Amino acid sequence: MDEYRKPFECKNSPVYQAGLRLISMEKHVIPCPLKKKWLKEKGDPMAHAKRFVCSLRAWSNGTFMSGLSNCRSSEEKSNIVDELYRRVENEVAQHPEYYGIDRVQVYMVIEKQR
């Protein structure tokens, strides 16, 4: 949590110079609901893997697509990214108990001094 606190403590930082002060900070880890459900209920590993990859793909697909060279066609990029997710899906289906994406949230109360 030091990386979150540092701009409020370093007198040379734009945050500190703007008069912003950190009053309090809490970190909360929210366990991956898909992994939690798998560990509790088990079920079909491939169905679980498909749900997991769908959840993963919702926020990461654009990053992987934009990370590929513009020398590639859109179709080629899509094929590469699709193959990546197929591989992830197969890995998750093999070992569903290992995979989850916990959410980490940091709540900060910040005050502006005059």
PDB file of N, CA and C in Angstrom:
ATOM      1  N   MET A   1       0.824  -1.194   0.000  1.00  0.00           N
ATOM      2  CA  MET A   1       0.000   0.000   0.000  1.00  0.00           C
ATOM      3  C   MET A   1       0.870   1.261   0.000  1.00  0.00           C
ATOM      4  N   ASP A   2       2.168   1.052   0.136  1.00  0.00           N
ATOM      5  CA  ASP A   2       3.080   2.194   0.140  1.00  0.00           C
ATOM      6  C   ASP A   2       2.980   3.017  -1.141  1.00  0.00           C
ATOM      7  N   GLU A   3       2.777   2.330  -2.282  1.00  0.00           N
ATOM      8  CA  GLU A   3       2.714   3.063  -3.548  1.00  0.00           C
ATOM      9  C   GLU A   3       1.507   3.997  -3.603  1.00  0.00           C
ATOM     10  N   TYR A   4       0.453   3.675  -2.873  1.00  0.00           N
ATOM     11  CA  TYR A   4      -0.708   4.559  -2.821  1.00  0.00           C
ATOM     12  C   TYR A   4      -0.474   5.719  -1.859  1.00  0.00           C
ATOM     13  N   ARG A   5       0.239   5.462  -0.808  1.00  0.00           N
ATOM     14  CA  ARG A   5       0.485   6.442   0.241  1.00  0.00           C
ATOM     15  C   ARG A   5       1.551   7.471  -0.173  1.00  0.00           C
ATOM     16  N   LYS A   6       2.538   7.041  -0.942  1.00  0.00           N
ATOM     17  CA  LYS A   6       3.712   7.867  -1.237  1.00  0.00           C
ATOM     18  C   LYS A   6       3.402   9.263  -1.799  1.00  0.00           C
ATOM     19  N   PRO A   7       2.503   9.415  -2.780  1.00  0.00           N
ATOM     20  CA  PRO A   7       2.254  10.770  -3.303  1.00  0.00           C
ATOM     21  C   PRO A   7       1.731  11.747  -2.256  1.00  0.00           C
ATOM     22  N   PHE A   8       1.122  11.228  -1.202  1.00  0.00           N
ATOM     23  CA  PHE A   8       0.579  12.089  -0.149  1.00  0.00           C
ATOM     24  C   PHE A   8       1.633  12.453   0.888  1.00  0.00           C
ATOM     25  N   GLU A   9       2.755  11.741   0.879  1.00  0.00           N
ATOM     26  CA  GLU A   9       3.820  11.967   1.864  1.00  0.00           C
ATOM     27  C   GLU A   9       5.021  12.700   1.280  1.00  0.00           C
ATOM     28  N   CYS A  10       5.214  12.584  -0.015  1.00  0.00           N
ATOM     29  CA  CYS A  10       6.369  13.209  -0.678  1.00  0.00           C
ATOM     30  C   CYS A  10       6.047  14.674  -0.968  1.00  0.00           C
ATOM     31  N   LYS A  11       6.764  15.573  -0.318  1.00  0.00           N
ATOM     32  CA  LYS A  11       6.465  17.000  -0.428  1.00  0.00           C
ATOM     33  C   LYS A  11       6.682  17.557  -1.832  1.00  0.00           C
ATOM     34  N   ASN A  12       7.420  16.852  -2.668  1.00  0.00           N
ATOM     35  CA  ASN A  12       7.657  17.302  -4.041  1.00  0.00           C
ATOM     36  C   ASN A  12       6.599  16.801  -5.024  1.00  0.00           C
ATOM     37  N   SER A  13       5.729  15.927  -4.586  1.00  0.00           N
ATOM     38  CA  SER A  13       4.747  15.351  -5.516  1.00  0.00           C
ATOM     39  C   SER A  13       3.648  16.365  -5.829  1.00  0.00           C
ATOM     40  N   PRO A  14       3.110  16.333  -7.044  1.00  0.00           N
ATOM     41  CA  PRO A  14       1.999  17.227  -7.393  1.00  0.00           C
ATOM     42  C   PRO A  14       0.781  17.022  -6.492  1.00  0.00           C
ATOM     43  N   VAL A  15       0.587  15.811  -6.018  1.00  0.00           N
ATOM     44  CA  VAL A  15      -0.539  15.512  -5.127  1.00  0.00           C
ATOM     45  C   VAL A  15      -0.385  16.296  -3.826  1.00  0.00           C
ATOM     46  N   TYR A  16       0.784  16.194  -3.228  1.00  0.00           N
ATOM     47  CA  TYR A  16       1.053  16.892  -1.965  1.00  0.00           C
ATOM     48  C   TYR A  16       0.992  18.405  -2.181  1.00  0.00           C
ATOM     49  N   GLN A  17       1.592  18.866  -3.275  1.00  0.00           N
ATOM     50  CA  GLN A  17       1.629  20.306  -3.546  1.00  0.00           C
ATOM     51  C   GLN A  17       0.239  20.877  -3.828  1.00  0.00           C
ATOM     52  N   ALA A  18      -0.680  20.019  -4.266  1.00  0.00           N
ATOM     53  CA  ALA A  18      -2.063  20.465  -4.488  1.00  0.00           C
ATOM     54  C   ALA A  18      -2.845  20.547  -3.178  1.00  0.00           C
ATOM     55  N   GLY A  19      -2.191  20.174  -2.073  1.00  0.00           N
ATOM     56  CA  GLY A  19      -2.843  20.260  -0.770  1.00  0.00           C
ATOM     57  C   GLY A  19      -3.659  19.036  -0.399  1.00  0.00           C
ATOM     58  N   LEU A  20      -3.485  17.959  -1.138  1.00  0.00           N
ATOM     59  CA  LEU A  20      -4.238  16.743  -0.840  1.00  0.00           C
ATOM     60  C   LEU A  20      -3.529  15.936   0.234  1.00  0.00           C
ATOM     61  N   ARG A  21      -4.308  15.499   1.245  1.00  0.00           N
ATOM     62  CA  ARG A  21      -3.743  14.721   2.350  1.00  0.00           C
ATOM     63  C   ARG A  21      -4.555  13.445   2.527  1.00  0.00           C
ATOM     64  N   LEU A  22      -3.848  12.377   2.755  1.00  0.00           N
ATOM     65  CA  LEU A  22      -4.481  11.083   2.973  1.00  0.00           C
ATOM     66  C   LEU A  22      -4.912  10.984   4.429  1.00  0.00           C
ATOM     67  N   ILE A  23      -6.184  10.801   4.642  1.00  0.00           N
ATOM     68  CA  ILE A  23      -6.731  10.697   5.995  1.00  0.00           C
ATOM     69  C   ILE A  23      -6.749   9.242   6.444  1.00  0.00           C
ATOM     70  N   SER A  24      -7.222   8.363   5.574  1.00  0.00           N
ATOM     71  CA  SER A  24      -7.244   6.934   5.904  1.00  0.00           C
ATOM     72  C   SER A  24      -7.242   6.118   4.615  1.00  0.00           C
ATOM     73  N   MET A  25      -6.888   4.842   4.785  1.00  0.00           N
ATOM     74  CA  MET A  25      -6.824   3.958   3.636  1.00  0.00           C
ATOM     75  C   MET A  25      -7.067   2.529   4.105  1.00  0.00           C
ATOM     76  N   GLU A  26      -7.910   1.803   3.368  1.00  0.00           N
ATOM     77  CA  GLU A  26      -8.197   0.397   3.680  1.00  0.00           C
ATOM     78  C   GLU A  26      -8.125  -0.414   2.395  1.00  0.00           C
ATOM     79  N   LYS A  27      -7.595  -1.612   2.512  1.00  0.00           N
ATOM     80  CA  LYS A  27      -7.553  -2.527   1.370  1.00  0.00           C
ATOM     81  C   LYS A  27      -8.525  -3.668   1.629  1.00  0.00           C
ATOM     82  N   HIS A  28      -9.307  -3.990   0.605  1.00  0.00           N
ATOM     83  CA  HIS A  28     -10.247  -5.106   0.688  1.00  0.00           C
ATOM     84  C   HIS A  28     -10.000  -6.039  -0.488  1.00  0.00           C
ATOM     85  N   VAL A  29      -9.895  -7.330  -0.214  1.00  0.00           N
ATOM     86  CA  VAL A  29      -9.754  -8.338  -1.259  1.00  0.00           C
ATOM     87  C   VAL A  29     -11.100  -9.041  -1.396  1.00  0.00           C
ATOM     88  N   ILE A  30     -11.620  -9.007  -2.601  1.00  0.00           N
ATOM     89  CA  ILE A  30     -12.898  -9.663  -2.888  1.00  0.00           C
ATOM     90  C   ILE A  30     -12.578 -10.929  -3.673  1.00  0.00           C
ATOM     91  N   PRO A  31     -12.790 -12.087  -3.057  1.00  0.00           N
ATOM     92  CA  PRO A  31     -12.445 -13.343  -3.728  1.00  0.00           C
ATOM     93  C   PRO A  31     -13.222 -13.524  -5.038  1.00  0.00           C
ATOM     94  N   CYS A  32     -12.579 -14.155  -5.986  1.00  0.00           N
ATOM     95  CA  CYS A  32     -13.192 -14.427  -7.290  1.00  0.00           C
ATOM     96  C   CYS A  32     -14.462 -15.261  -7.096  1.00  0.00           C
ATOM     97  N   PRO A  33     -15.620 -14.740  -7.502  1.00  0.00           N
ATOM     98  CA  PRO A  33     -16.857 -15.497  -7.308  1.00  0.00           C
ATOM     99  C   PRO A  33     -16.899 -16.794  -8.119  1.00  0.00           C
ATOM    100  N   LEU A  34     -16.267 -16.812  -9.281  1.00  0.00           N
ATOM    101  CA  LEU A  34     -16.263 -18.037 -10.085  1.00  0.00           C
ATOM    102  C   LEU A  34     -15.440 -19.134  -9.419  1.00  0.00           C
ATOM    103  N   LYS A  35     -14.284 -18.768  -8.896  1.00  0.00           N
ATOM    104  CA  LYS A  35     -13.453 -19.762  -8.209  1.00  0.00           C
ATOM    105  C   LYS A  35     -14.150 -20.239  -6.939  1.00  0.00           C
ATOM    106  N   LYS A  36     -14.727 -19.305  -6.219  1.00  0.00           N
ATOM    107  CA  LYS A  36     -15.440 -19.639  -4.980  1.00  0.00           C
ATOM    108  C   LYS A  36     -16.563 -20.642  -5.268  1.00  0.00           C
ATOM    109  N   LYS A  37     -17.316 -20.388  -6.337  1.00  0.00           N
ATOM    110  CA  LYS A  37     -18.404 -21.289  -6.718  1.00  0.00           C
ATOM    111  C   LYS A  37     -17.845 -22.658  -7.106  1.00  0.00           C
ATOM    112  N   TRP A  38     -16.739 -22.672  -7.873  1.00  0.00           N
ATOM    113  CA  TRP A  38     -16.141 -23.947  -8.282  1.00  0.00           C
ATOM    114  C   TRP A  38     -15.713 -24.754  -7.058  1.00  0.00           C
ATOM    115  N   LEU A  39     -15.033 -24.113  -6.127  1.00  0.00           N
ATOM    116  CA  LEU A  39     -14.535 -24.826  -4.951  1.00  0.00           C
ATOM    117  C   LEU A  39     -15.679 -25.386  -4.106  1.00  0.00           C
ATOM    118  N   LYS A  40     -16.813 -24.690  -4.112  1.00  0.00           N
ATOM    119  CA  LYS A  40     -17.955 -25.131  -3.311  1.00  0.00           C
ATOM    120  C   LYS A  40     -18.786 -26.200  -4.024  1.00  0.00           C
ATOM    121  N   GLU A  41     -19.058 -25.986  -5.306  1.00  0.00           N
ATOM    122  CA  GLU A  41     -20.019 -26.837  -6.012  1.00  0.00           C
ATOM    123  C   GLU A  41     -19.405 -27.812  -7.013  1.00  0.00           C
ATOM    124  N   LYS A  42     -18.172 -27.545  -7.415  1.00  0.00           N
ATOM    125  CA  LYS A  42     -17.520 -28.325  -8.487  1.00  0.00           C
ATOM    126  C   LYS A  42     -18.376 -28.251  -9.757  1.00  0.00           C
ATOM    127  N   GLY A  43     -18.636 -29.377 -10.406  1.00  0.00           N
ATOM    128  CA  GLY A  43     -19.420 -29.368 -11.641  1.00  0.00           C
ATOM    129  C   GLY A  43     -18.564 -29.734 -12.833  1.00  0.00           C
ATOM    130  N   ASP A  44     -18.986 -29.279 -13.999  1.00  0.00           N
ATOM    131  CA  ASP A  44     -18.296 -29.567 -15.255  1.00  0.00           C
ATOM    132  C   ASP A  44     -17.113 -28.610 -15.413  1.00  0.00           C
ATOM    133  N   PRO A  45     -15.882 -29.133 -15.427  1.00  0.00           N
ATOM    134  CA  PRO A  45     -14.709 -28.259 -15.510  1.00  0.00           C
ATOM    135  C   PRO A  45     -14.675 -27.398 -16.774  1.00  0.00           C
ATOM    136  N   MET A  46     -15.109 -27.946 -17.911  1.00  0.00           N
ATOM    137  CA  MET A  46     -15.076 -27.162 -19.148  1.00  0.00           C
ATOM    138  C   MET A  46     -16.117 -26.047 -19.116  1.00  0.00           C
ATOM    139  N   ALA A  47     -17.278 -26.308 -18.574  1.00  0.00           N
ATOM    140  CA  ALA A  47     -18.296 -25.251 -18.447  1.00  0.00           C
ATOM    141  C   ALA A  47     -17.777 -24.141 -17.532  1.00  0.00           C
ATOM    142  N   HIS A  48     -17.121 -24.533 -16.453  1.00  0.00           N
ATOM    143  CA  HIS A  48     -16.525 -23.547 -15.549  1.00  0.00           C
ATOM    144  C   HIS A  48     -15.458 -22.738 -16.282  1.00  0.00           C
ATOM    145  N   ALA A  49     -14.595 -23.427 -17.035  1.00  0.00           N
ATOM    146  CA  ALA A  49     -13.517 -22.757 -17.770  1.00  0.00           C
ATOM    147  C   ALA A  49     -14.085 -21.760 -18.773  1.00  0.00           C
ATOM    148  N   LYS A  50     -15.159 -22.113 -19.446  1.00  0.00           N
ATOM    149  CA  LYS A  50     -15.783 -21.202 -20.418  1.00  0.00           C
ATOM    150  C   LYS A  50     -16.312 -19.944 -19.719  1.00  0.00           C
ATOM    151  N   ARG A  51     -16.947 -20.108 -18.558  1.00  0.00           N
ATOM    152  CA  ARG A  51     -17.435 -18.942 -17.798  1.00  0.00           C
ATOM    153  C   ARG A  51     -16.260 -18.074 -17.347  1.00  0.00           C
ATOM    154  N   PHE A  52     -15.200 -18.736 -16.874  1.00  0.00           N
ATOM    155  CA  PHE A  52     -14.029 -18.005 -16.402  1.00  0.00           C
ATOM    156  C   PHE A  52     -13.407 -17.195 -17.535  1.00  0.00           C
ATOM    157  N   VAL A  53     -13.210 -17.835 -18.686  1.00  0.00           N
ATOM    158  CA  VAL A  53     -12.583 -17.149 -19.818  1.00  0.00           C
ATOM    159  C   VAL A  53     -13.477 -16.030 -20.337  1.00  0.00           C
ATOM    160  N   CYS A  54     -14.767 -16.216 -20.323  1.00  0.00           N
ATOM    161  CA  CYS A  54     -15.690 -15.152 -20.732  1.00  0.00           C
ATOM    162  C   CYS A  54     -15.519 -13.932 -19.824  1.00  0.00           C
ATOM    163  N   SER A  55     -15.415 -14.171 -18.534  1.00  0.00           N
ATOM    164  CA  SER A  55     -15.202 -13.096 -17.570  1.00  0.00           C
ATOM    165  C   SER A  55     -13.852 -12.417 -17.790  1.00  0.00           C
ATOM    166  N   LEU A  56     -12.833 -13.207 -18.019  1.00  0.00           N
ATOM    167  CA  LEU A  56     -11.485 -12.694 -18.272  1.00  0.00           C
ATOM    168  C   LEU A  56     -11.444 -11.889 -19.565  1.00  0.00           C
ATOM    169  N   ARG A  57     -12.058 -12.430 -20.586  1.00  0.00           N
ATOM    170  CA  ARG A  57     -12.010 -11.806 -21.905  1.00  0.00           C
ATOM    171  C   ARG A  57     -12.724 -10.458 -21.931  1.00  0.00           C
ATOM    172  N   ALA A  58     -13.745 -10.306 -21.106  1.00  0.00           N
ATOM    173  CA  ALA A  58     -14.524  -9.065 -21.084  1.00  0.00           C
ATOM    174  C   ALA A  58     -13.645  -7.837 -20.866  1.00  0.00           C
ATOM    175  N   TRP A  59     -12.618  -7.961 -20.060  1.00  0.00           N
ATOM    176  CA  TRP A  59     -11.775  -6.795 -19.780  1.00  0.00           C
ATOM    177  C   TRP A  59     -10.380  -6.884 -20.393  1.00  0.00           C
ATOM    178  N   SER A  60      -9.950  -8.048 -20.883  1.00  0.00           N
ATOM    179  CA  SER A  60      -8.572  -8.165 -21.379  1.00  0.00           C
ATOM    180  C   SER A  60      -8.456  -8.273 -22.891  1.00  0.00           C
ATOM    181  N   ASN A  61      -9.536  -8.570 -23.583  1.00  0.00           N
ATOM    182  CA  ASN A  61      -9.471  -8.794 -25.027  1.00  0.00           C
ATOM    183  C   ASN A  61      -8.853  -7.603 -25.767  1.00  0.00           C
ATOM    184  N   GLY A  62      -9.318  -6.413 -25.473  1.00  0.00           N
ATOM    185  CA  GLY A  62      -8.808  -5.216 -26.146  1.00  0.00           C
ATOM    186  C   GLY A  62      -7.321  -5.007 -25.934  1.00  0.00           C
ATOM    187  N   THR A  63      -6.850  -5.334 -24.751  1.00  0.00           N
ATOM    188  CA  THR A  63      -5.421  -5.190 -24.453  1.00  0.00           C
ATOM    189  C   THR A  63      -4.599  -6.121 -25.328  1.00  0.00           C
ATOM    190  N   PHE A  64      -5.028  -7.367 -25.428  1.00  0.00           N
ATOM    191  CA  PHE A  64      -4.285  -8.318 -26.254  1.00  0.00           C
ATOM    192  C   PHE A  64      -4.361  -7.946 -27.732  1.00  0.00           C
ATOM    193  N   MET A  65      -5.515  -7.514 -28.198  1.00  0.00           N
ATOM    194  CA  MET A  65      -5.658  -7.123 -29.605  1.00  0.00           C
ATOM    195  C   MET A  65      -4.748  -5.941 -29.935  1.00  0.00           C
ATOM    196  N   SER A  66      -4.729  -4.945 -29.067  1.00  0.00           N
ATOM    197  CA  SER A  66      -3.912  -3.758 -29.346  1.00  0.00           C
ATOM    198  C   SER A  66      -2.427  -4.026 -29.159  1.00  0.00           C
ATOM    199  N   GLY A  67      -2.092  -5.106 -28.468  1.00  0.00           N
ATOM    200  CA  GLY A  67      -0.685  -5.458 -28.277  1.00  0.00           C
ATOM    201  C   GLY A  67      -0.059  -6.138 -29.480  1.00  0.00           C
ATOM    202  N   LEU A  68      -0.873  -6.531 -30.436  1.00  0.00           N
ATOM    203  CA  LEU A  68      -0.354  -7.177 -31.645  1.00  0.00           C
ATOM    204  C   LEU A  68      -0.033  -6.123 -32.698  1.00  0.00           C
ATOM    205  N   SER A  69       0.952  -6.411 -33.508  1.00  0.00           N
ATOM    206  CA  SER A  69       1.429  -5.477 -34.525  1.00  0.00           C
ATOM    207  C   SER A  69       0.328  -5.082 -35.498  1.00  0.00           C
ATOM    208  N   ASN A  70       0.330  -3.820 -35.887  1.00  0.00           N
ATOM    209  CA  ASN A  70      -0.619  -3.340 -36.885  1.00  0.00           C
ATOM    210  C   ASN A  70      -0.289  -3.855 -38.280  1.00  0.00           C
ATOM    211  N   CYS A  71       0.844  -4.538 -38.405  1.00  0.00           N
ATOM    212  CA  CYS A  71       1.174  -5.202 -39.670  1.00  0.00           C
ATOM    213  C   CYS A  71       0.245  -6.396 -39.898  1.00  0.00           C
ATOM    214  N   ARG A  72      -0.395  -6.855 -38.863  1.00  0.00           N
ATOM    215  CA  ARG A  72      -1.318  -7.993 -38.964  1.00  0.00           C
ATOM    216  C   ARG A  72      -2.722  -7.481 -39.294  1.00  0.00           C
ATOM    217  N   SER A  73      -3.457  -8.287 -40.014  1.00  0.00           N
ATOM    218  CA  SER A  73      -4.849  -7.927 -40.311  1.00  0.00           C
ATOM    219  C   SER A  73      -5.691  -8.116 -39.048  1.00  0.00           C
ATOM    220  N   SER A  74      -6.863  -7.497 -39.041  1.00  0.00           N
ATOM    221  CA  SER A  74      -7.779  -7.664 -37.905  1.00  0.00           C
ATOM    222  C   SER A  74      -8.153  -9.126 -37.729  1.00  0.00           C
ATOM    223  N   GLU A  75      -8.344  -9.817 -38.843  1.00  0.00           N
ATOM    224  CA  GLU A  75      -8.699 -11.234 -38.781  1.00  0.00           C
ATOM    225  C   GLU A  75      -7.566 -12.049 -38.159  1.00  0.00           C
ATOM    226  N   GLU A  76      -6.325 -11.747 -38.550  1.00  0.00           N
ATOM    227  CA  GLU A  76      -5.176 -12.473 -37.990  1.00  0.00           C
ATOM    228  C   GLU A  76      -5.050 -12.205 -36.490  1.00  0.00           C
ATOM    229  N   LYS A  77      -5.230 -10.953 -36.102  1.00  0.00           N
ATOM    230  CA  LYS A  77      -5.179 -10.617 -34.677  1.00  0.00           C
ATOM    231  C   LYS A  77      -6.256 -11.379 -33.907  1.00  0.00           C
ATOM    232  N   SER A  78      -7.463 -11.390 -34.449  1.00  0.00           N
ATOM    233  CA  SER A  78      -8.565 -12.103 -33.791  1.00  0.00           C
ATOM    234  C   SER A  78      -8.265 -13.583 -33.651  1.00  0.00           C
ATOM    235  N   ASN A  79      -7.700 -14.171 -34.687  1.00  0.00           N
ATOM    236  CA  ASN A  79      -7.363 -15.598 -34.634  1.00  0.00           C
ATOM    237  C   ASN A  79      -6.323 -15.888 -33.558  1.00  0.00           C
ATOM    238  N   ILE A  80      -5.324 -15.025 -33.451  1.00  0.00           N
ATOM    239  CA  ILE A  80      -4.271 -15.208 -32.442  1.00  0.00           C
ATOM    240  C   ILE A  80      -4.865 -15.098 -31.037  1.00  0.00           C
ATOM    241  N   VAL A  81      -5.674 -14.071 -30.821  1.00  0.00           N
ATOM    242  CA  VAL A  81      -6.266 -13.856 -29.498  1.00  0.00           C
ATOM    243  C   VAL A  81      -7.265 -14.970 -29.170  1.00  0.00           C
ATOM    244  N   ASP A  82      -8.027 -15.401 -30.156  1.00  0.00           N
ATOM    245  CA  ASP A  82      -8.944 -16.528 -29.935  1.00  0.00           C
ATOM    246  C   ASP A  82      -8.179 -17.773 -29.501  1.00  0.00           C
ATOM    247  N   GLU A  83      -7.043 -18.027 -30.145  1.00  0.00           N
ATOM    248  CA  GLU A  83      -6.227 -19.198 -29.786  1.00  0.00           C
ATOM    249  C   GLU A  83      -5.691 -19.065 -28.361  1.00  0.00           C
ATOM    250  N   LEU A  84      -5.275 -17.869 -27.988  1.00  0.00           N
ATOM    251  CA  LEU A  84      -4.804 -17.635 -26.623  1.00  0.00           C
ATOM    252  C   LEU A  84      -5.897 -18.012 -25.621  1.00  0.00           C
ATOM    253  N   TYR A  85      -7.111 -17.523 -25.844  1.00  0.00           N
ATOM    254  CA  TYR A  85      -8.200 -17.818 -24.916  1.00  0.00           C
ATOM    255  C   TYR A  85      -8.595 -19.294 -24.933  1.00  0.00           C
ATOM    256  N   ARG A  86      -8.477 -19.948 -26.084  1.00  0.00           N
ATOM    257  CA  ARG A  86      -8.737 -21.397 -26.129  1.00  0.00           C
ATOM    258  C   ARG A  86      -7.740 -22.136 -25.243  1.00  0.00           C
ATOM    259  N   ARG A  87      -6.485 -21.707 -25.308  1.00  0.00           N
ATOM    260  CA  ARG A  87      -5.449 -22.347 -24.479  1.00  0.00           C
ATOM    261  C   ARG A  87      -5.703 -22.098 -22.996  1.00  0.00           C
ATOM    262  N   VAL A  88      -6.074 -20.878 -22.666  1.00  0.00           N
ATOM    263  CA  VAL A  88      -6.394 -20.563 -21.267  1.00  0.00           C
ATOM    264  C   VAL A  88      -7.580 -21.411 -20.809  1.00  0.00           C
ATOM    265  N   GLU A  89      -8.585 -21.504 -21.648  1.00  0.00           N
ATOM    266  CA  GLU A  89      -9.770 -22.303 -21.319  1.00  0.00           C
ATOM    267  C   GLU A  89      -9.394 -23.756 -21.034  1.00  0.00           C
ATOM    268  N   ASN A  90      -8.553 -24.328 -21.878  1.00  0.00           N
ATOM    269  CA  ASN A  90      -8.124 -25.718 -21.678  1.00  0.00           C
ATOM    270  C   ASN A  90      -7.332 -25.880 -20.383  1.00  0.00           C
ATOM    271  N   GLU A  91      -6.484 -24.917 -20.080  1.00  0.00           N
ATOM    272  CA  GLU A  91      -5.692 -24.981 -18.840  1.00  0.00           C
ATOM    273  C   GLU A  91      -6.598 -24.876 -17.618  1.00  0.00           C
ATOM    274  N   VAL A  92      -7.534 -23.955 -17.652  1.00  0.00           N
ATOM    275  CA  VAL A  92      -8.459 -23.789 -16.522  1.00  0.00           C
ATOM    276  C   VAL A  92      -9.298 -25.051 -16.344  1.00  0.00           C
ATOM    277  N   ALA A  93      -9.716 -25.662 -17.442  1.00  0.00           N
ATOM    278  CA  ALA A  93     -10.510 -26.893 -17.347  1.00  0.00           C
ATOM    279  C   ALA A  93      -9.703 -28.031 -16.715  1.00  0.00           C
ATOM    280  N   GLN A  94      -8.394 -28.041 -16.940  1.00  0.00           N
ATOM    281  CA  GLN A  94      -7.536 -29.077 -16.363  1.00  0.00           C
ATOM    282  C   GLN A  94      -7.343 -28.890 -14.860  1.00  0.00           C
ATOM    283  N   HIS A  95      -7.265 -27.638 -14.425  1.00  0.00           N
ATOM    284  CA  HIS A  95      -6.975 -27.330 -13.014  1.00  0.00           C
ATOM    285  C   HIS A  95      -7.847 -26.165 -12.531  1.00  0.00           C
ATOM    286  N   PRO A  96      -9.155 -26.322 -12.506  1.00  0.00           N
ATOM    287  CA  PRO A  96     -10.028 -25.193 -12.160  1.00  0.00           C
ATOM    288  C   PRO A  96      -9.807 -24.636 -10.759  1.00  0.00           C
ATOM    289  N   GLU A  97      -9.298 -25.461  -9.867  1.00  0.00           N
ATOM    290  CA  GLU A  97      -9.092 -24.999  -8.488  1.00  0.00           C
ATOM    291  C   GLU A  97      -7.962 -23.981  -8.367  1.00  0.00           C
ATOM    292  N   TYR A  98      -7.114 -23.877  -9.383  1.00  0.00           N
ATOM    293  CA  TYR A  98      -5.974 -22.961  -9.332  1.00  0.00           C
ATOM    294  C   TYR A  98      -6.298 -21.555  -9.839  1.00  0.00           C
ATOM    295  N   TYR A  99      -7.378 -21.401 -10.567  1.00  0.00           N
ATOM    296  CA  TYR A  99      -7.596 -20.157 -11.292  1.00  0.00           C
ATOM    297  C   TYR A  99      -8.728 -19.329 -10.711  1.00  0.00           C
ATOM    298  N   GLY A 100      -8.431 -18.073 -10.505  1.00  0.00           N
ATOM    299  CA  GLY A 100      -9.403 -17.106 -10.033  1.00  0.00           C
ATOM    300  C   GLY A 100      -8.815 -15.720 -10.181  1.00  0.00           C
ATOM    301  N   ILE A 101      -9.675 -14.749 -10.276  1.00  0.00           N
ATOM    302  CA  ILE A 101      -9.218 -13.366 -10.359  1.00  0.00           C
ATOM    303  C   ILE A 101      -9.861 -12.618  -9.200  1.00  0.00           C
ATOM    304  N   ASP A 102      -9.114 -12.524  -8.111  1.00  0.00           N
ATOM    305  CA  ASP A 102      -9.602 -11.772  -6.960  1.00  0.00           C
ATOM    306  C   ASP A 102      -9.551 -10.286  -7.292  1.00  0.00           C
ATOM    307  N   ARG A 103     -10.496  -9.550  -6.776  1.00  0.00           N
ATOM    308  CA  ARG A 103     -10.511  -8.110  -6.966  1.00  0.00           C
ATOM    309  C   ARG A 103      -9.937  -7.467  -5.714  1.00  0.00           C
ATOM    310  N   VAL A 104      -9.024  -6.554  -5.907  1.00  0.00           N
ATOM    311  CA  VAL A 104      -8.437  -5.825  -4.786  1.00  0.00           C
ATOM    312  C   VAL A 104      -8.869  -4.369  -4.921  1.00  0.00           C
ATOM    313  N   GLN A 105      -9.517  -3.871  -3.883  1.00  0.00           N
ATOM    314  CA  GLN A 105      -9.967  -2.490  -3.884  1.00  0.00           C
ATOM    315  C   GLN A 105      -9.338  -1.761  -2.705  1.00  0.00           C
ATOM    316  N   VAL A 106      -8.897  -0.547  -2.975  1.00  0.00           N
ATOM    317  CA  VAL A 106      -8.327   0.293  -1.929  1.00  0.00           C
ATOM    318  C   VAL A 106      -9.243   1.507  -1.774  1.00  0.00           C
ATOM    319  N   TYR A 107      -9.740   1.685  -0.577  1.00  0.00           N
ATOM    320  CA  TYR A 107     -10.614   2.810  -0.262  1.00  0.00           C
ATOM    321  C   TYR A 107      -9.787   3.866   0.459  1.00  0.00           C
ATOM    322  N   MET A 108      -9.799   5.076  -0.100  1.00  0.00           N
ATOM    323  CA  MET A 108      -9.000   6.158   0.467  1.00  0.00           C
ATOM    324  C   MET A 108      -9.904   7.339   0.813  1.00  0.00           C
ATOM    325  N   VAL A 109      -9.659   7.919   1.966  1.00  0.00           N
ATOM    326  CA  VAL A 109     -10.312   9.170   2.335  1.00  0.00           C
ATOM    327  C   VAL A 109      -9.237  10.237   2.206  1.00  0.00           C
ATOM    328  N   ILE A 110      -9.509  11.209   1.346  1.00  0.00           N
ATOM    329  CA  ILE A 110      -8.529  12.253   1.025  1.00  0.00           C
ATOM    330  C   ILE A 110      -9.152  13.605   1.349  1.00  0.00           C
ATOM    331  N   GLU A 111      -8.332  14.469   1.911  1.00  0.00           N
ATOM    332  CA  GLU A 111      -8.803  15.808   2.277  1.00  0.00           C
ATOM    333  C   GLU A 111      -7.948  16.842   1.555  1.00  0.00           C
ATOM    334  N   LYS A 112      -8.581  17.920   1.117  1.00  0.00           N
ATOM    335  CA  LYS A 112      -7.829  19.016   0.506  1.00  0.00           C
ATOM    336  C   LYS A 112      -7.642  20.101   1.552  1.00  0.00           C
ATOM    337  N   GLN A 113      -6.377  20.387   1.822  1.00  0.00           N
ATOM    338  CA  GLN A 113      -6.068  21.457   2.777  1.00  0.00           C
ATOM    339  C   GLN A 113      -6.050  22.787   2.041  1.00  0.00           C
ATOM    340  N   ARG A 114      -6.391  23.816   2.772  1.00  0.00           N
ATOM    341  CA  ARG A 114      -6.403  25.165   2.173  1.00  0.00           C
ATOM    342  C   ARG A 114      -5.117  25.885   2.412  1.00  0.00           C
TER     343      ARG A 114
END
